[in-house]
Amino acid sequence: MPHITVCICTYKRPQLLRRLLEALWKQETCGRFTYWVVVADNDRLESAKPLVVELAAAAPVPVTYCVEPRQNIALARNAAIRRAHGEFLAFLDDDEFPSERWLLTLFEACERYGVDGVIGPVHRHFDEEPPRWIVRGDFYQRSTYVTGRAIEWRMGRTNNVLVKTAILPSDGPAFRPEFLTGEDQDFFRRMLERGHRFVWCNEAVVYEVVPRVRLRRTFMLRRALLRGKVSPLDPTFGSRDIAKSLVAVPVYAAVLPFAQILGHHRFMACLVSLFDHLGRLLALVGINPVKEPYVTD
């Protein structure tokens, strides 16, 4: 019977991690496969260990814990992979929780389409009522596609995915640590270049919890700067991207007053785009406005 390792990377989110693990205990398999869970803690103080040990004691599936003390999401993912076994790997983020047929739906789609992996949608979830401008601006609402659509590398992500273990590279790490963010797109770009195929499955739903801290404007802008900071690492990054950012920064800055007239959601959308391009230009001249590997507040 096929076996799946569900990999979770976590960093100081005990309440969200508890919700995720308890949702994983309820996964339906219909006798098609077995699965277990690996939690990779990216906190050198091992803050997630007591919770994982507590929940593992009564879990209906095996759970193992490991720590990656170097704060880097790619290194944490690689640490989880080293503890994995079986024919498949599934990835979730620690601020998410899956529907009960999530893993089964991914598995069946992978078999049905005869591909090397399947990616599913991530819908936003608010535990409390968000500001109206967040909803009107579709912030934290991710794109979805028709089931069976072939995945391009820019669509690749590891917050809801099942891949065959056999495709993992043997000539280097699956996820490259020089990427502070976007390491998942880099993974899919390399896998597609090697001839592997992935499809979308719109029925394999996962929910991403949007906590209060992510509703802060400062959080959104700092995360945009971080995205811009790592974009030059993309192998496809070139002079056209630089020119685009050189034009975009003054254009977005000029549009901001008019965007505010159209609504605060328009203003923030422009401001986030401005900071994306600004972070890219600052990185090119060696200025690092966001020194932390993660934006947590």
C-alpha atoms as a PDB file:
ATOM      1  CA  MET A   1       0.000   0.000   0.000  1.00  0.00           C
ATOM      2  CA  PRO A   2       1.407   3.456  -0.892  1.00  0.00           C
ATOM      3  CA  HIS A   3       2.655   5.550   2.004  1.00  0.00           C
ATOM      4  CA  ILE A   4       2.589   9.357   2.319  1.00  0.00           C
ATOM      5  CA  THR A   5       4.741  11.541   4.554  1.00  0.00           C
ATOM      6  CA  VAL A   6       3.025  14.828   5.413  1.00  0.00           C
ATOM      7  CA  CYS A   7       5.714  17.460   6.020  1.00  0.00           C
ATOM      8  CA  ILE A   8       5.043  20.527   8.154  1.00  0.00           C
ATOM      9  CA  CYS A   9       7.532  23.310   8.820  1.00  0.00           C
ATOM     10  CA  THR A  10       6.734  25.459  11.840  1.00  0.00           C
ATOM     11  CA  TYR A  11       8.066  28.535  13.604  1.00  0.00           C
ATOM     12  CA  LYS A  12       6.515  29.760  16.868  1.00  0.00           C
ATOM     13  CA  ARG A  13       2.861  29.138  15.990  1.00  0.00           C
ATOM     14  CA  PRO A  14       1.718  26.632  18.634  1.00  0.00           C
ATOM     15  CA  GLN A  15      -2.013  27.367  18.478  1.00  0.00           C
ATOM     16  CA  LEU A  16      -2.142  27.184  14.686  1.00  0.00           C
ATOM     17  CA  LEU A  17       0.038  24.070  14.670  1.00  0.00           C
ATOM     18  CA  ARG A  18      -2.345  22.380  17.117  1.00  0.00           C
ATOM     19  CA  ARG A  19      -5.305  23.083  14.836  1.00  0.00           C
ATOM     20  CA  LEU A  20      -3.414  21.704  11.840  1.00  0.00           C
ATOM     21  CA  LEU A  21      -2.297  18.488  13.548  1.00  0.00           C
ATOM     22  CA  GLU A  22      -5.730  17.774  14.950  1.00  0.00           C
ATOM     23  CA  ALA A  23      -7.204  18.232  11.452  1.00  0.00           C
ATOM     24  CA  LEU A  24      -4.639  15.800  10.044  1.00  0.00           C
ATOM     25  CA  TRP A  25      -5.820  13.086  12.459  1.00  0.00           C
ATOM     26  CA  LYS A  26      -9.219  13.196  10.705  1.00  0.00           C
ATOM     27  CA  GLN A  27      -7.998  12.544   7.165  1.00  0.00           C
ATOM     28  CA  GLU A  28     -10.005   9.986   5.197  1.00  0.00           C
ATOM     29  CA  THR A  29      -7.951   7.378   3.342  1.00  0.00           C
ATOM     30  CA  CYS A  30     -10.632   4.881   2.215  1.00  0.00           C
ATOM     31  CA  GLY A  31      -7.935   2.239   2.624  1.00  0.00           C
ATOM     32  CA  ARG A  32      -6.006   3.597  -0.379  1.00  0.00           C
ATOM     33  CA  PHE A  33      -2.807   4.570   1.445  1.00  0.00           C
ATOM     34  CA  THR A  34      -1.175   5.024   4.829  1.00  0.00           C
ATOM     35  CA  TYR A  35       0.369   8.252   6.074  1.00  0.00           C
ATOM     36  CA  TRP A  36       2.362   9.775   8.897  1.00  0.00           C
ATOM     37  CA  VAL A  37       3.447  13.294   9.862  1.00  0.00           C
ATOM     38  CA  VAL A  38       6.862  14.960  10.195  1.00  0.00           C
ATOM     39  CA  VAL A  39       7.075  18.327  11.980  1.00  0.00           C
ATOM     40  CA  ALA A  40      10.261  20.321  11.317  1.00  0.00           C
ATOM     41  CA  ASP A  41      10.704  23.055  13.911  1.00  0.00           C
ATOM     42  CA  ASN A  42      12.683  26.036  12.583  1.00  0.00           C
ATOM     43  CA  ASP A  43      13.129  27.444  16.087  1.00  0.00           C
ATOM     44  CA  ARG A  44      16.489  26.537  17.632  1.00  0.00           C
ATOM     45  CA  LEU A  45      14.820  26.682  21.071  1.00  0.00           C
ATOM     46  CA  GLU A  46      12.525  23.800  20.011  1.00  0.00           C
ATOM     47  CA  SER A  47       9.412  25.681  21.065  1.00  0.00           C
ATOM     48  CA  ALA A  48       7.093  23.326  19.139  1.00  0.00           C
ATOM     49  CA  LYS A  49       8.448  20.136  20.708  1.00  0.00           C
ATOM     50  CA  PRO A  50       6.220  19.995  23.849  1.00  0.00           C
ATOM     51  CA  LEU A  51       3.081  20.411  21.740  1.00  0.00           C
ATOM     52  CA  VAL A  52       4.095  17.796  19.171  1.00  0.00           C
ATOM     53  CA  VAL A  53       5.041  15.307  21.894  1.00  0.00           C
ATOM     54  CA  GLU A  54       1.711  15.911  23.664  1.00  0.00           C
ATOM     55  CA  LEU A  55      -0.394  15.413  20.550  1.00  0.00           C
ATOM     56  CA  ALA A  56       1.678  12.513  19.240  1.00  0.00           C
ATOM     57  CA  ALA A  57       0.927  10.490  22.360  1.00  0.00           C
ATOM     58  CA  ALA A  58      -2.745  10.175  21.385  1.00  0.00           C
ATOM     59  CA  ALA A  59      -2.482  10.562  17.599  1.00  0.00           C
ATOM     60  CA  PRO A  60      -4.039   7.871  15.387  1.00  0.00           C
ATOM     61  CA  VAL A  61      -1.070   8.105  12.973  1.00  0.00           C
ATOM     62  CA  PRO A  62       2.674   8.234  13.706  1.00  0.00           C
ATOM     63  CA  VAL A  63       4.202  11.683  14.273  1.00  0.00           C
ATOM     64  CA  THR A  64       7.885  12.560  14.414  1.00  0.00           C
ATOM     65  CA  TYR A  65       9.593  15.793  15.423  1.00  0.00           C
ATOM     66  CA  CYS A  66      12.870  17.298  14.240  1.00  0.00           C
ATOM     67  CA  VAL A  67      14.516  20.695  14.547  1.00  0.00           C
ATOM     68  CA  GLU A  68      16.422  22.825  12.050  1.00  0.00           C
ATOM     69  CA  PRO A  69      18.186  25.456  14.190  1.00  0.00           C
ATOM     70  CA  ARG A  70      19.243  27.618  11.237  1.00  0.00           C
ATOM     71  CA  GLN A  71      16.355  29.934  10.478  1.00  0.00           C
ATOM     72  CA  ASN A  72      15.637  29.277   6.824  1.00  0.00           C
ATOM     73  CA  ILE A  73      12.461  27.815   5.337  1.00  0.00           C
ATOM     74  CA  ALA A  74      14.305  25.855   2.636  1.00  0.00           C
ATOM     75  CA  LEU A  75      16.563  24.216   5.237  1.00  0.00           C
ATOM     76  CA  ALA A  76      13.507  23.365   7.342  1.00  0.00           C
ATOM     77  CA  ARG A  77      11.792  21.717   4.371  1.00  0.00           C
ATOM     78  CA  ASN A  78      14.936  19.718   3.611  1.00  0.00           C
ATOM     79  CA  ALA A  79      15.115  18.616   7.251  1.00  0.00           C
ATOM     80  CA  ALA A  80      11.557  17.276   7.023  1.00  0.00           C
ATOM     81  CA  ILE A  81      12.366  15.447   3.786  1.00  0.00           C
ATOM     82  CA  ARG A  82      15.340  13.696   5.395  1.00  0.00           C
ATOM     83  CA  ARG A  83      12.961  12.125   7.949  1.00  0.00           C
ATOM     84  CA  ALA A  84      10.384  11.149   5.324  1.00  0.00           C
ATOM     85  CA  HIS A  85       9.761   7.734   3.839  1.00  0.00           C
ATOM     86  CA  GLY A  86       7.241   6.301   1.421  1.00  0.00           C
ATOM     87  CA  GLU A  87       6.230   6.905  -2.166  1.00  0.00           C
ATOM     88  CA  PHE A  88       4.760  10.392  -1.675  1.00  0.00           C
ATOM     89  CA  LEU A  89       5.461  13.661   0.130  1.00  0.00           C
ATOM     90  CA  ALA A  90       2.757  16.153   1.045  1.00  0.00           C
ATOM     91  CA  PHE A  91       3.444  19.686   2.269  1.00  0.00           C
ATOM     92  CA  LEU A  92       1.342  22.032   4.369  1.00  0.00           C
ATOM     93  CA  ASP A  93       2.174  25.278   6.165  1.00  0.00           C
ATOM     94  CA  ASP A  94       1.726  25.547   9.919  1.00  0.00           C
ATOM     95  CA  ASP A  95      -0.903  28.298   9.572  1.00  0.00           C
ATOM     96  CA  GLU A  96      -3.232  26.073   7.539  1.00  0.00           C
ATOM     97  CA  PHE A  97      -5.704  23.259   8.129  1.00  0.00           C
ATOM     98  CA  PRO A  98      -7.040  20.794   5.519  1.00  0.00           C
ATOM     99  CA  SER A  99     -10.484  19.523   4.657  1.00  0.00           C
ATOM    100  CA  GLU A 100     -11.125  15.911   5.686  1.00  0.00           C
ATOM    101  CA  ARG A 101     -10.703  14.467   2.183  1.00  0.00           C
ATOM    102  CA  TRP A 102      -7.719  16.685   1.317  1.00  0.00           C
ATOM    103  CA  LEU A 103      -5.017  14.027   1.196  1.00  0.00           C
ATOM    104  CA  LEU A 104      -7.258  11.438  -0.461  1.00  0.00           C
ATOM    105  CA  THR A 105      -8.294  13.922  -3.159  1.00  0.00           C
ATOM    106  CA  LEU A 106      -4.674  14.801  -3.966  1.00  0.00           C
ATOM    107  CA  PHE A 107      -3.721  11.121  -4.081  1.00  0.00           C
ATOM    108  CA  GLU A 108      -6.605  10.177  -6.402  1.00  0.00           C
ATOM    109  CA  ALA A 109      -5.862  13.119  -8.712  1.00  0.00           C
ATOM    110  CA  CYS A 110      -2.217  12.083  -8.968  1.00  0.00           C
ATOM    111  CA  GLU A 111      -3.282   8.586 -10.027  1.00  0.00           C
ATOM    112  CA  ARG A 112      -6.040   9.771 -12.350  1.00  0.00           C
ATOM    113  CA  TYR A 113      -3.821  12.144 -14.338  1.00  0.00           C
ATOM    114  CA  GLY A 114      -0.669  10.026 -14.170  1.00  0.00           C
ATOM    115  CA  VAL A 115       1.506  12.929 -13.033  1.00  0.00           C
ATOM    116  CA  ASP A 116       4.386  13.478 -10.624  1.00  0.00           C
ATOM    117  CA  GLY A 117       2.506  15.783  -8.300  1.00  0.00           C
ATOM    118  CA  VAL A 118      -0.707  17.661  -7.602  1.00  0.00           C
ATOM    119  CA  ILE A 119      -1.267  21.172  -6.205  1.00  0.00           C
ATOM    120  CA  GLY A 120      -4.511  22.299  -4.586  1.00  0.00           C
ATOM    121  CA  PRO A 121      -6.157  25.590  -3.600  1.00  0.00           C
ATOM    122  CA  VAL A 122      -5.605  27.526  -0.391  1.00  0.00           C
ATOM    123  CA  HIS A 123      -8.606  29.570   0.754  1.00  0.00           C
ATOM    124  CA  ARG A 124      -8.261  32.314   3.337  1.00  0.00           C
ATOM    125  CA  HIS A 125      -9.904  31.845   6.737  1.00  0.00           C
ATOM    126  CA  PHE A 126     -10.544  34.601   9.274  1.00  0.00           C
ATOM    127  CA  ASP A 127     -11.198  33.701  12.907  1.00  0.00           C
ATOM    128  CA  GLU A 128     -12.478  37.241  13.421  1.00  0.00           C
ATOM    129  CA  GLU A 129     -14.099  39.801  11.149  1.00  0.00           C
ATOM    130  CA  PRO A 130     -11.381  41.503   9.041  1.00  0.00           C
ATOM    131  CA  PRO A 131     -11.396  45.177   7.978  1.00  0.00           C
ATOM    132  CA  ARG A 132     -13.584  45.832   4.962  1.00  0.00           C
ATOM    133  CA  TRP A 133     -10.645  46.974   2.834  1.00  0.00           C
ATOM    134  CA  ILE A 134      -8.994  43.560   3.267  1.00  0.00           C
ATOM    135  CA  VAL A 135     -12.079  41.823   1.859  1.00  0.00           C
ATOM    136  CA  ARG A 136     -12.707  44.375  -0.898  1.00  0.00           C
ATOM    137  CA  GLY A 137      -9.103  44.196  -2.039  1.00  0.00           C
ATOM    138  CA  ASP A 138      -9.043  40.371  -2.088  1.00  0.00           C
ATOM    139  CA  PHE A 139      -5.926  40.382   0.077  1.00  0.00           C
ATOM    140  CA  TYR A 140      -4.748  36.881   1.015  1.00  0.00           C
ATOM    141  CA  GLN A 141      -7.112  35.387  -1.574  1.00  0.00           C
ATOM    142  CA  ARG A 142      -5.077  33.075  -3.788  1.00  0.00           C
ATOM    143  CA  SER A 143      -5.725  32.173  -7.414  1.00  0.00           C
ATOM    144  CA  THR A 144      -7.550  28.963  -8.324  1.00  0.00           C
ATOM    145  CA  TYR A 145      -7.674  27.004 -11.572  1.00  0.00           C
ATOM    146  CA  VAL A 146      -9.695  24.273 -13.229  1.00  0.00           C
ATOM    147  CA  THR A 147      -8.907  20.722 -12.141  1.00  0.00           C
ATOM    148  CA  GLY A 148      -6.436  19.023 -14.465  1.00  0.00           C
ATOM    149  CA  ARG A 149      -4.688  22.198 -15.580  1.00  0.00           C
ATOM    150  CA  ALA A 150      -0.965  21.705 -16.105  1.00  0.00           C
ATOM    151  CA  ILE A 151       1.149  23.590 -13.578  1.00  0.00           C
ATOM    152  CA  GLU A 152       3.649  26.189 -14.749  1.00  0.00           C
ATOM    153  CA  TRP A 153       6.562  26.865 -12.415  1.00  0.00           C
ATOM    154  CA  ARG A 154       5.247  30.254 -11.265  1.00  0.00           C
ATOM    155  CA  MET A 155       2.099  28.456 -10.058  1.00  0.00           C
ATOM    156  CA  GLY A 156       4.183  26.052  -7.979  1.00  0.00           C
ATOM    157  CA  ARG A 157       3.985  26.234  -4.190  1.00  0.00           C
ATOM    158  CA  THR A 158       4.309  23.939  -1.198  1.00  0.00           C
ATOM    159  CA  ASN A 159       1.424  25.084   0.982  1.00  0.00           C
ATOM    160  CA  ASN A 160      -0.854  22.406  -0.503  1.00  0.00           C
ATOM    161  CA  VAL A 161       0.917  19.820  -2.614  1.00  0.00           C
ATOM    162  CA  LEU A 162       1.521  16.093  -3.048  1.00  0.00           C
ATOM    163  CA  VAL A 163       4.605  14.953  -4.984  1.00  0.00           C
ATOM    164  CA  LYS A 164       6.203  11.595  -5.712  1.00  0.00           C
ATOM    165  CA  THR A 165       9.304  10.991  -3.646  1.00  0.00           C
ATOM    166  CA  ALA A 166      11.070   9.539  -6.684  1.00  0.00           C
ATOM    167  CA  ILE A 167      11.362  12.941  -8.374  1.00  0.00           C
ATOM    168  CA  LEU A 168      13.434  14.510  -5.586  1.00  0.00           C
ATOM    169  CA  PRO A 169      16.886  15.471  -6.890  1.00  0.00           C
ATOM    170  CA  SER A 170      19.821  13.299  -5.898  1.00  0.00           C
ATOM    171  CA  ASP A 171      22.428  15.869  -6.983  1.00  0.00           C
ATOM    172  CA  GLY A 172      21.557  18.512  -4.409  1.00  0.00           C
ATOM    173  CA  PRO A 173      18.939  19.700  -1.911  1.00  0.00           C
ATOM    174  CA  ALA A 174      15.308  19.701  -2.950  1.00  0.00           C
ATOM    175  CA  PHE A 175      14.958  23.292  -1.733  1.00  0.00           C
ATOM    176  CA  ARG A 176      17.806  25.752  -2.123  1.00  0.00           C
ATOM    177  CA  PRO A 177      18.635  27.716   1.060  1.00  0.00           C
ATOM    178  CA  GLU A 178      19.700  30.876  -0.786  1.00  0.00           C
ATOM    179  CA  PHE A 179      15.990  31.498  -1.339  1.00  0.00           C
ATOM    180  CA  LEU A 180      14.474  33.167   1.732  1.00  0.00           C
ATOM    181  CA  THR A 181      11.095  33.036   0.030  1.00  0.00           C
ATOM    182  CA  GLY A 182      10.005  31.644  -3.323  1.00  0.00           C
ATOM    183  CA  GLU A 183      12.036  28.476  -2.733  1.00  0.00           C
ATOM    184  CA  ASP A 184       8.972  26.450  -3.728  1.00  0.00           C
ATOM    185  CA  GLN A 185       8.692  28.116  -7.151  1.00  0.00           C
ATOM    186  CA  ASP A 186      12.390  27.481  -7.678  1.00  0.00           C
ATOM    187  CA  PHE A 187      11.802  23.786  -6.858  1.00  0.00           C
ATOM    188  CA  PHE A 188       8.990  23.460  -9.391  1.00  0.00           C
ATOM    189  CA  ARG A 189      10.957  25.322 -12.057  1.00  0.00           C
ATOM    190  CA  ARG A 190      13.816  22.821 -11.736  1.00  0.00           C
ATOM    191  CA  MET A 191      11.484  19.827 -11.651  1.00  0.00           C
ATOM    192  CA  LEU A 192       9.640  20.960 -14.781  1.00  0.00           C
ATOM    193  CA  GLU A 193      12.966  21.444 -16.565  1.00  0.00           C
ATOM    194  CA  ARG A 194      13.703  17.787 -15.783  1.00  0.00           C
ATOM    195  CA  GLY A 195      10.488  16.716 -17.489  1.00  0.00           C
ATOM    196  CA  HIS A 196       8.265  16.120 -14.457  1.00  0.00           C
ATOM    197  CA  ARG A 197       4.569  16.983 -14.719  1.00  0.00           C
ATOM    198  CA  PHE A 198       2.168  18.497 -12.199  1.00  0.00           C
ATOM    199  CA  VAL A 199      -1.534  19.353 -12.328  1.00  0.00           C
ATOM    200  CA  TRP A 200      -4.006  21.396 -10.344  1.00  0.00           C
ATOM    201  CA  CYS A 201      -6.839  19.837  -8.316  1.00  0.00           C
ATOM    202  CA  ASN A 202      -9.417  22.393  -7.244  1.00  0.00           C
ATOM    203  CA  GLU A 203     -11.239  19.960  -4.924  1.00  0.00           C
ATOM    204  CA  ALA A 204      -8.265  19.363  -2.585  1.00  0.00           C
ATOM    205  CA  VAL A 205      -8.982  22.336  -0.348  1.00  0.00           C
ATOM    206  CA  VAL A 206      -6.795  23.754   2.404  1.00  0.00           C
ATOM    207  CA  TYR A 207      -7.613  26.796   4.544  1.00  0.00           C
ATOM    208  CA  GLU A 208      -5.046  29.419   5.537  1.00  0.00           C
ATOM    209  CA  VAL A 209      -5.685  31.198   8.822  1.00  0.00           C
ATOM    210  CA  VAL A 210      -5.167  34.955   8.518  1.00  0.00           C
ATOM    211  CA  PRO A 211      -4.386  36.152  12.058  1.00  0.00           C
ATOM    212  CA  ARG A 212      -4.747  39.716  13.251  1.00  0.00           C
ATOM    213  CA  VAL A 213      -1.053  40.507  12.769  1.00  0.00           C
ATOM    214  CA  ARG A 214      -1.346  39.940   9.007  1.00  0.00           C
ATOM    215  CA  LEU A 215      -4.045  42.580   8.798  1.00  0.00           C
ATOM    216  CA  ARG A 216      -1.512  45.247   9.744  1.00  0.00           C
ATOM    217  CA  ARG A 217      -0.335  47.470   6.946  1.00  0.00           C
ATOM    218  CA  THR A 218       3.257  47.342   8.215  1.00  0.00           C
ATOM    219  CA  PHE A 219       3.238  43.538   8.014  1.00  0.00           C
ATOM    220  CA  MET A 220       2.029  43.582   4.412  1.00  0.00           C
ATOM    221  CA  LEU A 221       4.609  46.169   3.360  1.00  0.00           C
ATOM    222  CA  ARG A 222       7.550  44.453   5.063  1.00  0.00           C
ATOM    223  CA  ARG A 223       6.594  41.162   3.442  1.00  0.00           C
ATOM    224  CA  ALA A 224       6.443  42.911   0.054  1.00  0.00           C
ATOM    225  CA  LEU A 225       9.974  44.229   0.624  1.00  0.00           C
ATOM    226  CA  LEU A 226      11.138  40.701   1.447  1.00  0.00           C
ATOM    227  CA  ARG A 227       9.600  39.330  -1.758  1.00  0.00           C
ATOM    228  CA  GLY A 228      11.387  41.992  -3.760  1.00  0.00           C
ATOM    229  CA  LYS A 229      14.627  41.298  -1.931  1.00  0.00           C
ATOM    230  CA  VAL A 230      14.833  37.669  -3.108  1.00  0.00           C
ATOM    231  CA  SER A 231      13.457  38.128  -6.639  1.00  0.00           C
ATOM    232  CA  PRO A 232      16.935  38.752  -8.187  1.00  0.00           C
ATOM    233  CA  LEU A 233      17.819  35.156  -7.177  1.00  0.00           C
ATOM    234  CA  ASP A 234      15.362  33.902  -9.791  1.00  0.00           C
ATOM    235  CA  PRO A 235      17.393  32.506 -12.737  1.00  0.00           C
ATOM    236  CA  THR A 236      14.966  34.155 -15.155  1.00  0.00           C
ATOM    237  CA  PHE A 237      15.566  37.590 -13.577  1.00  0.00           C
ATOM    238  CA  GLY A 238      17.191  39.991 -16.038  1.00  0.00           C
ATOM    239  CA  SER A 239      17.486  43.490 -17.394  1.00  0.00           C
ATOM    240  CA  ARG A 240      13.825  43.547 -18.399  1.00  0.00           C
ATOM    241  CA  ASP A 241      12.791  43.003 -14.775  1.00  0.00           C
ATOM    242  CA  ILE A 242      15.109  45.784 -13.632  1.00  0.00           C
ATOM    243  CA  ALA A 243      13.669  48.158 -16.222  1.00  0.00           C
ATOM    244  CA  LYS A 244      10.160  47.201 -15.199  1.00  0.00           C
ATOM    245  CA  SER A 245      10.861  48.051 -11.553  1.00  0.00           C
ATOM    246  CA  LEU A 246      12.594  51.317 -12.475  1.00  0.00           C
ATOM    247  CA  VAL A 247       9.418  52.362 -14.275  1.00  0.00           C
ATOM    248  CA  ALA A 248       6.975  50.863 -11.766  1.00  0.00           C
ATOM    249  CA  VAL A 249       8.300  52.629  -8.646  1.00  0.00           C
ATOM    250  CA  PRO A 250       7.662  56.244  -9.826  1.00  0.00           C
ATOM    251  CA  VAL A 251       4.423  55.231 -11.560  1.00  0.00           C
ATOM    252  CA  TYR A 252       2.945  53.592  -8.467  1.00  0.00           C
ATOM    253  CA  ALA A 253       4.119  56.500  -6.318  1.00  0.00           C
ATOM    254  CA  ALA A 254       2.342  58.952  -8.631  1.00  0.00           C
ATOM    255  CA  VAL A 255      -0.848  56.864  -8.689  1.00  0.00           C
ATOM    256  CA  LEU A 256      -1.143  56.543  -4.891  1.00  0.00           C
ATOM    257  CA  PRO A 257      -3.142  59.773  -4.252  1.00  0.00           C
ATOM    258  CA  PHE A 258      -5.657  58.861  -6.936  1.00  0.00           C
ATOM    259  CA  ALA A 259      -5.908  55.272  -5.698  1.00  0.00           C
ATOM    260  CA  GLN A 260      -6.900  56.562  -2.253  1.00  0.00           C
ATOM    261  CA  ILE A 261      -9.852  58.340  -3.839  1.00  0.00           C
ATOM    262  CA  LEU A 262     -11.047  55.015  -5.262  1.00  0.00           C
ATOM    263  CA  GLY A 263     -10.899  53.362  -1.847  1.00  0.00           C
ATOM    264  CA  HIS A 264      -8.371  52.291   0.753  1.00  0.00           C
ATOM    265  CA  HIS A 265      -8.205  48.786  -0.727  1.00  0.00           C
ATOM    266  CA  ARG A 266      -6.987  50.290  -4.022  1.00  0.00           C
ATOM    267  CA  PHE A 267      -4.472  52.439  -2.168  1.00  0.00           C
ATOM    268  CA  MET A 268      -3.020  49.463  -0.293  1.00  0.00           C
ATOM    269  CA  ALA A 269      -2.868  47.336  -3.454  1.00  0.00           C
ATOM    270  CA  CYS A 270      -0.794  50.063  -5.139  1.00  0.00           C
ATOM    271  CA  LEU A 271       1.379  50.521  -2.069  1.00  0.00           C
ATOM    272  CA  VAL A 272       2.121  46.791  -1.784  1.00  0.00           C
ATOM    273  CA  SER A 273       3.065  46.666  -5.482  1.00  0.00           C
ATOM    274  CA  LEU A 274       5.278  49.721  -5.004  1.00  0.00           C
ATOM    275  CA  PHE A 275       7.114  48.022  -2.117  1.00  0.00           C
ATOM    276  CA  ASP A 276       7.546  44.817  -4.157  1.00  0.00           C
ATOM    277  CA  HIS A 277       9.421  46.732  -6.851  1.00  0.00           C
ATOM    278  CA  LEU A 278      11.222  48.915  -4.339  1.00  0.00           C
ATOM    279  CA  GLY A 279      12.525  45.850  -2.488  1.00  0.00           C
ATOM    280  CA  ARG A 280      13.862  44.501  -5.774  1.00  0.00           C
ATOM    281  CA  LEU A 281      15.763  47.702  -6.587  1.00  0.00           C
ATOM    282  CA  LEU A 282      17.155  48.016  -3.064  1.00  0.00           C
ATOM    283  CA  ALA A 283      18.434  44.433  -3.233  1.00  0.00           C
ATOM    284  CA  LEU A 284      20.246  45.192  -6.477  1.00  0.00           C
ATOM    285  CA  VAL A 285      22.240  48.000  -4.833  1.00  0.00           C
ATOM    286  CA  GLY A 286      22.969  45.987  -1.702  1.00  0.00           C
ATOM    287  CA  ILE A 287      20.474  47.632   0.657  1.00  0.00           C
ATOM    288  CA  ASN A 288      18.676  45.174   2.936  1.00  0.00           C
ATOM    289  CA  PRO A 289      15.594  46.756   4.548  1.00  0.00           C
ATOM    290  CA  VAL A 290      14.318  43.436   5.986  1.00  0.00           C
ATOM    291  CA  LYS A 291      17.126  41.539   7.683  1.00  0.00           C
ATOM    292  CA  GLU A 292      15.001  38.767   9.220  1.00  0.00           C
ATOM    293  CA  PRO A 293      14.411  35.597   7.148  1.00  0.00           C
ATOM    294  CA  TYR A 294      10.718  35.652   8.133  1.00  0.00           C
ATOM    295  CA  VAL A 295       8.271  38.516   8.520  1.00  0.00           C
ATOM    296  CA  THR A 296       6.302  37.636  11.646  1.00  0.00           C
ATOM    297  CA  ASP A 297       5.059  41.028  12.898  1.00  0.00           C
END
